[in-house]
Amino acid sequence: MPGCREYLVAGSKKEMWGGPFCSGLIRGLAFKAKGVCIAPGVTGGQVIRVVVQYIDARPARMHEEFMELALEAMKAVWPCER
């Protein structure tokens, strides 16, 4: 979460470390995840913002695995049609 917050504040500036790490992690998860269909034109920053807002709205779950919560957030916002 700290790296994702850093990305949202600073964008993709080269001097930070956590932001690009978060961005790569989220992009990879979105690319390989089943059940997630992110619409064309949605930016990486928008996806990160959705993940951060989703997790922040559930403080009692902060102890859970970040990747699982991030996937849950993306599925909630961009589910694939059945």
N, C-alpha and C. Protein backbone atom coordinates (compact mmCIF):
# COMPACT_ATOMS: atom_id res chain seq x y z
N MET A 1 0.81 -1.20 0.00
CA MET A 1 0.00 0.00 0.00
C MET A 1 0.86 1.26 0.00
N PRO A 2 1.95 1.31 0.76
CA PRO A 2 2.75 2.54 0.73
C PRO A 2 3.25 2.89 -0.68
N GLY A 3 3.68 1.89 -1.43
CA GLY A 3 4.14 2.14 -2.79
C GLY A 3 3.03 2.63 -3.70
N CYS A 4 1.84 2.10 -3.51
CA CYS A 4 0.70 2.53 -4.32
C CYS A 4 0.30 3.96 -3.96
N ARG A 5 0.33 4.28 -2.70
CA ARG A 5 0.05 5.66 -2.29
C ARG A 5 1.10 6.60 -2.87
N GLU A 6 2.35 6.17 -2.84
CA GLU A 6 3.45 6.96 -3.39
C GLU A 6 3.21 7.21 -4.89
N TYR A 7 2.77 6.21 -5.61
CA TYR A 7 2.50 6.35 -7.03
C TYR A 7 1.40 7.39 -7.27
N LEU A 8 0.35 7.34 -6.48
CA LEU A 8 -0.76 8.27 -6.66
C LEU A 8 -0.35 9.70 -6.38
N VAL A 9 0.57 9.89 -5.46
CA VAL A 9 1.03 11.24 -5.11
C VAL A 9 2.06 11.75 -6.11
N ALA A 10 3.01 10.91 -6.47
CA ALA A 10 4.15 11.36 -7.27
C ALA A 10 4.07 10.95 -8.73
N GLY A 11 3.15 10.11 -9.11
CA GLY A 11 3.11 9.64 -10.49
C GLY A 11 4.21 8.62 -10.72
N SER A 12 4.86 8.69 -11.85
CA SER A 12 5.89 7.70 -12.17
C SER A 12 7.29 8.31 -12.18
N LYS A 13 7.55 9.23 -11.28
CA LYS A 13 8.87 9.85 -11.20
C LYS A 13 9.94 8.80 -10.90
N LYS A 14 11.10 8.95 -11.52
CA LYS A 14 12.14 7.94 -11.39
C LYS A 14 12.79 7.88 -10.02
N GLU A 15 12.74 8.96 -9.24
CA GLU A 15 13.44 8.94 -7.96
C GLU A 15 12.73 8.12 -6.88
N MET A 16 11.53 7.71 -7.11
CA MET A 16 10.84 6.90 -6.11
C MET A 16 11.01 5.42 -6.46
N TRP A 17 10.84 4.57 -5.47
CA TRP A 17 10.98 3.14 -5.69
C TRP A 17 9.66 2.42 -5.58
N GLY A 18 8.91 2.72 -4.56
CA GLY A 18 7.67 1.97 -4.29
C GLY A 18 6.59 2.16 -5.33
N GLY A 19 6.49 3.34 -5.91
CA GLY A 19 5.45 3.61 -6.90
C GLY A 19 5.55 2.73 -8.13
N PRO A 20 6.72 2.69 -8.77
CA PRO A 20 6.86 1.81 -9.94
C PRO A 20 6.67 0.33 -9.59
N PHE A 21 7.08 -0.05 -8.39
CA PHE A 21 6.88 -1.44 -7.95
C PHE A 21 5.38 -1.74 -7.90
N CYS A 22 4.62 -0.85 -7.28
CA CYS A 22 3.18 -1.03 -7.18
C CYS A 22 2.56 -1.07 -8.57
N SER A 23 2.96 -0.15 -9.42
CA SER A 23 2.42 -0.08 -10.77
C SER A 23 2.65 -1.38 -11.53
N GLY A 24 3.85 -1.90 -11.47
CA GLY A 24 4.16 -3.16 -12.15
C GLY A 24 3.38 -4.33 -11.59
N LEU A 25 3.26 -4.35 -10.28
CA LEU A 25 2.52 -5.42 -9.61
C LEU A 25 1.05 -5.41 -10.03
N ILE A 26 0.44 -4.25 -9.98
CA ILE A 26 -0.98 -4.12 -10.32
C ILE A 26 -1.21 -4.41 -11.80
N ARG A 27 -0.34 -3.89 -12.66
CA ARG A 27 -0.50 -4.13 -14.10
C ARG A 27 -0.37 -5.62 -14.43
N GLY A 28 0.59 -6.28 -13.80
CA GLY A 28 0.77 -7.71 -14.02
C GLY A 28 -0.43 -8.51 -13.54
N LEU A 29 -0.93 -8.15 -12.38
CA LEU A 29 -2.10 -8.83 -11.83
C LEU A 29 -3.31 -8.63 -12.74
N ALA A 30 -3.52 -7.41 -13.20
CA ALA A 30 -4.65 -7.12 -14.07
C ALA A 30 -4.54 -7.88 -15.39
N PHE A 31 -3.33 -8.02 -15.89
CA PHE A 31 -3.10 -8.70 -17.17
C PHE A 31 -3.39 -10.19 -17.08
N LYS A 32 -2.99 -10.82 -15.98
CA LYS A 32 -3.10 -12.27 -15.84
C LYS A 32 -4.36 -12.74 -15.11
N ALA A 33 -5.08 -11.83 -14.47
CA ALA A 33 -6.21 -12.22 -13.63
C ALA A 33 -7.39 -12.72 -14.45
N LYS A 34 -7.99 -13.78 -13.97
CA LYS A 34 -9.22 -14.28 -14.57
C LYS A 34 -10.38 -13.56 -13.89
N GLY A 35 -11.36 -13.19 -14.67
CA GLY A 35 -12.54 -12.52 -14.11
C GLY A 35 -12.41 -11.02 -14.05
N VAL A 36 -11.32 -10.47 -14.58
CA VAL A 36 -11.11 -9.02 -14.61
C VAL A 36 -11.03 -8.59 -16.07
N CYS A 37 -11.90 -7.68 -16.46
CA CYS A 37 -11.92 -7.18 -17.84
C CYS A 37 -11.89 -5.65 -17.80
N ILE A 38 -10.70 -5.12 -17.69
CA ILE A 38 -10.54 -3.67 -17.61
C ILE A 38 -10.77 -3.08 -19.00
N ALA A 39 -11.61 -2.08 -19.06
CA ALA A 39 -11.98 -1.46 -20.32
C ALA A 39 -10.79 -0.78 -20.98
N PRO A 40 -10.75 -0.79 -22.30
CA PRO A 40 -9.69 -0.07 -23.00
C PRO A 40 -9.74 1.41 -22.61
N GLY A 41 -8.59 2.00 -22.47
CA GLY A 41 -8.51 3.41 -22.12
C GLY A 41 -8.37 3.68 -20.64
N VAL A 42 -8.61 2.68 -19.81
CA VAL A 42 -8.41 2.85 -18.37
C VAL A 42 -6.90 2.86 -18.11
N THR A 43 -6.42 3.87 -17.41
CA THR A 43 -4.99 3.99 -17.17
C THR A 43 -4.55 3.18 -15.95
N GLY A 44 -3.25 2.94 -15.89
CA GLY A 44 -2.69 2.25 -14.73
C GLY A 44 -2.95 3.02 -13.46
N GLY A 45 -2.88 4.33 -13.54
CA GLY A 45 -3.15 5.17 -12.37
C GLY A 45 -4.58 5.01 -11.88
N GLN A 46 -5.51 4.88 -12.80
CA GLN A 46 -6.91 4.68 -12.41
C GLN A 46 -7.09 3.34 -11.71
N VAL A 47 -6.43 2.33 -12.21
CA VAL A 47 -6.53 1.01 -11.59
C VAL A 47 -5.94 1.06 -10.18
N ILE A 48 -4.78 1.68 -10.03
CA ILE A 48 -4.16 1.80 -8.70
C ILE A 48 -5.07 2.57 -7.76
N ARG A 49 -5.66 3.65 -8.24
CA ARG A 49 -6.57 4.45 -7.40
C ARG A 49 -7.74 3.60 -6.92
N VAL A 50 -8.31 2.78 -7.79
CA VAL A 50 -9.43 1.90 -7.42
C VAL A 50 -8.98 0.92 -6.33
N VAL A 51 -7.82 0.33 -6.52
CA VAL A 51 -7.30 -0.64 -5.53
C VAL A 51 -7.09 0.03 -4.18
N VAL A 52 -6.45 1.18 -4.17
CA VAL A 52 -6.18 1.89 -2.91
C VAL A 52 -7.49 2.27 -2.23
N GLN A 53 -8.44 2.82 -2.98
CA GLN A 53 -9.72 3.21 -2.38
C GLN A 53 -10.47 1.99 -1.83
N TYR A 54 -10.43 0.90 -2.55
CA TYR A 54 -11.11 -0.32 -2.12
C TYR A 54 -10.53 -0.83 -0.80
N ILE A 55 -9.22 -0.89 -0.73
CA ILE A 55 -8.58 -1.39 0.49
C ILE A 55 -8.76 -0.41 1.64
N ASP A 56 -8.62 0.89 1.36
CA ASP A 56 -8.82 1.90 2.42
C ASP A 56 -10.22 1.86 3.00
N ALA A 57 -11.20 1.47 2.19
CA ALA A 57 -12.59 1.40 2.66
C ALA A 57 -12.84 0.18 3.54
N ARG A 58 -11.84 -0.68 3.66
CA ARG A 58 -11.97 -1.92 4.46
C ARG A 58 -10.79 -2.03 5.44
N PRO A 59 -10.67 -1.10 6.37
CA PRO A 59 -9.51 -1.11 7.27
C PRO A 59 -9.38 -2.38 8.11
N ALA A 60 -10.47 -3.05 8.38
CA ALA A 60 -10.41 -4.28 9.18
C ALA A 60 -9.74 -5.42 8.41
N ARG A 61 -9.55 -5.24 7.10
CA ARG A 61 -8.96 -6.30 6.28
C ARG A 61 -7.52 -6.00 5.88
N MET A 62 -6.94 -4.94 6.44
CA MET A 62 -5.58 -4.53 6.08
C MET A 62 -4.54 -5.62 6.32
N HIS A 63 -4.83 -6.55 7.20
CA HIS A 63 -3.88 -7.63 7.50
C HIS A 63 -3.87 -8.72 6.42
N GLU A 64 -4.86 -8.68 5.52
CA GLU A 64 -4.96 -9.70 4.48
C GLU A 64 -3.94 -9.45 3.37
N GLU A 65 -3.72 -10.45 2.55
CA GLU A 65 -2.77 -10.39 1.45
C GLU A 65 -3.15 -9.28 0.47
N PHE A 66 -2.21 -8.40 0.19
CA PHE A 66 -2.45 -7.25 -0.70
C PHE A 66 -2.94 -7.70 -2.08
N MET A 67 -2.29 -8.69 -2.66
CA MET A 67 -2.64 -9.13 -4.01
C MET A 67 -4.08 -9.65 -4.08
N GLU A 68 -4.52 -10.34 -3.06
CA GLU A 68 -5.88 -10.86 -3.05
C GLU A 68 -6.89 -9.72 -2.96
N LEU A 69 -6.60 -8.73 -2.13
CA LEU A 69 -7.49 -7.57 -2.02
C LEU A 69 -7.49 -6.76 -3.31
N ALA A 70 -6.33 -6.61 -3.93
CA ALA A 70 -6.25 -5.87 -5.19
C ALA A 70 -7.07 -6.56 -6.27
N LEU A 71 -6.96 -7.87 -6.34
CA LEU A 71 -7.73 -8.64 -7.32
C LEU A 71 -9.23 -8.51 -7.04
N GLU A 72 -9.60 -8.59 -5.80
CA GLU A 72 -11.00 -8.43 -5.41
C GLU A 72 -11.52 -7.05 -5.83
N ALA A 73 -10.70 -6.02 -5.64
CA ALA A 73 -11.09 -4.66 -6.03
C ALA A 73 -11.31 -4.56 -7.53
N MET A 74 -10.40 -5.12 -8.31
CA MET A 74 -10.53 -5.06 -9.76
C MET A 74 -11.74 -5.85 -10.25
N LYS A 75 -12.00 -7.00 -9.65
CA LYS A 75 -13.17 -7.79 -10.04
C LYS A 75 -14.47 -7.06 -9.71
N ALA A 76 -14.46 -6.31 -8.61
CA ALA A 76 -15.66 -5.57 -8.21
C ALA A 76 -15.97 -4.43 -9.18
N VAL A 77 -14.93 -3.80 -9.71
CA VAL A 77 -15.13 -2.64 -10.58
C VAL A 77 -15.18 -3.03 -12.06
N TRP A 78 -14.37 -4.01 -12.47
CA TRP A 78 -14.29 -4.40 -13.86
C TRP A 78 -14.53 -5.90 -14.04
N PRO A 79 -15.71 -6.39 -13.67
CA PRO A 79 -15.96 -7.83 -13.85
C PRO A 79 -16.15 -8.14 -15.33
N CYS A 80 -15.83 -9.35 -15.70
CA CYS A 80 -16.07 -9.80 -17.07
C CYS A 80 -17.55 -10.18 -17.18
N GLU A 81 -18.12 -9.96 -18.34
CA GLU A 81 -19.51 -10.37 -18.55
C GLU A 81 -19.58 -11.88 -18.56
N ARG A 82 -20.63 -12.40 -18.04
CA ARG A 82 -20.78 -13.85 -17.98
C ARG A 82 -21.57 -14.34 -19.15
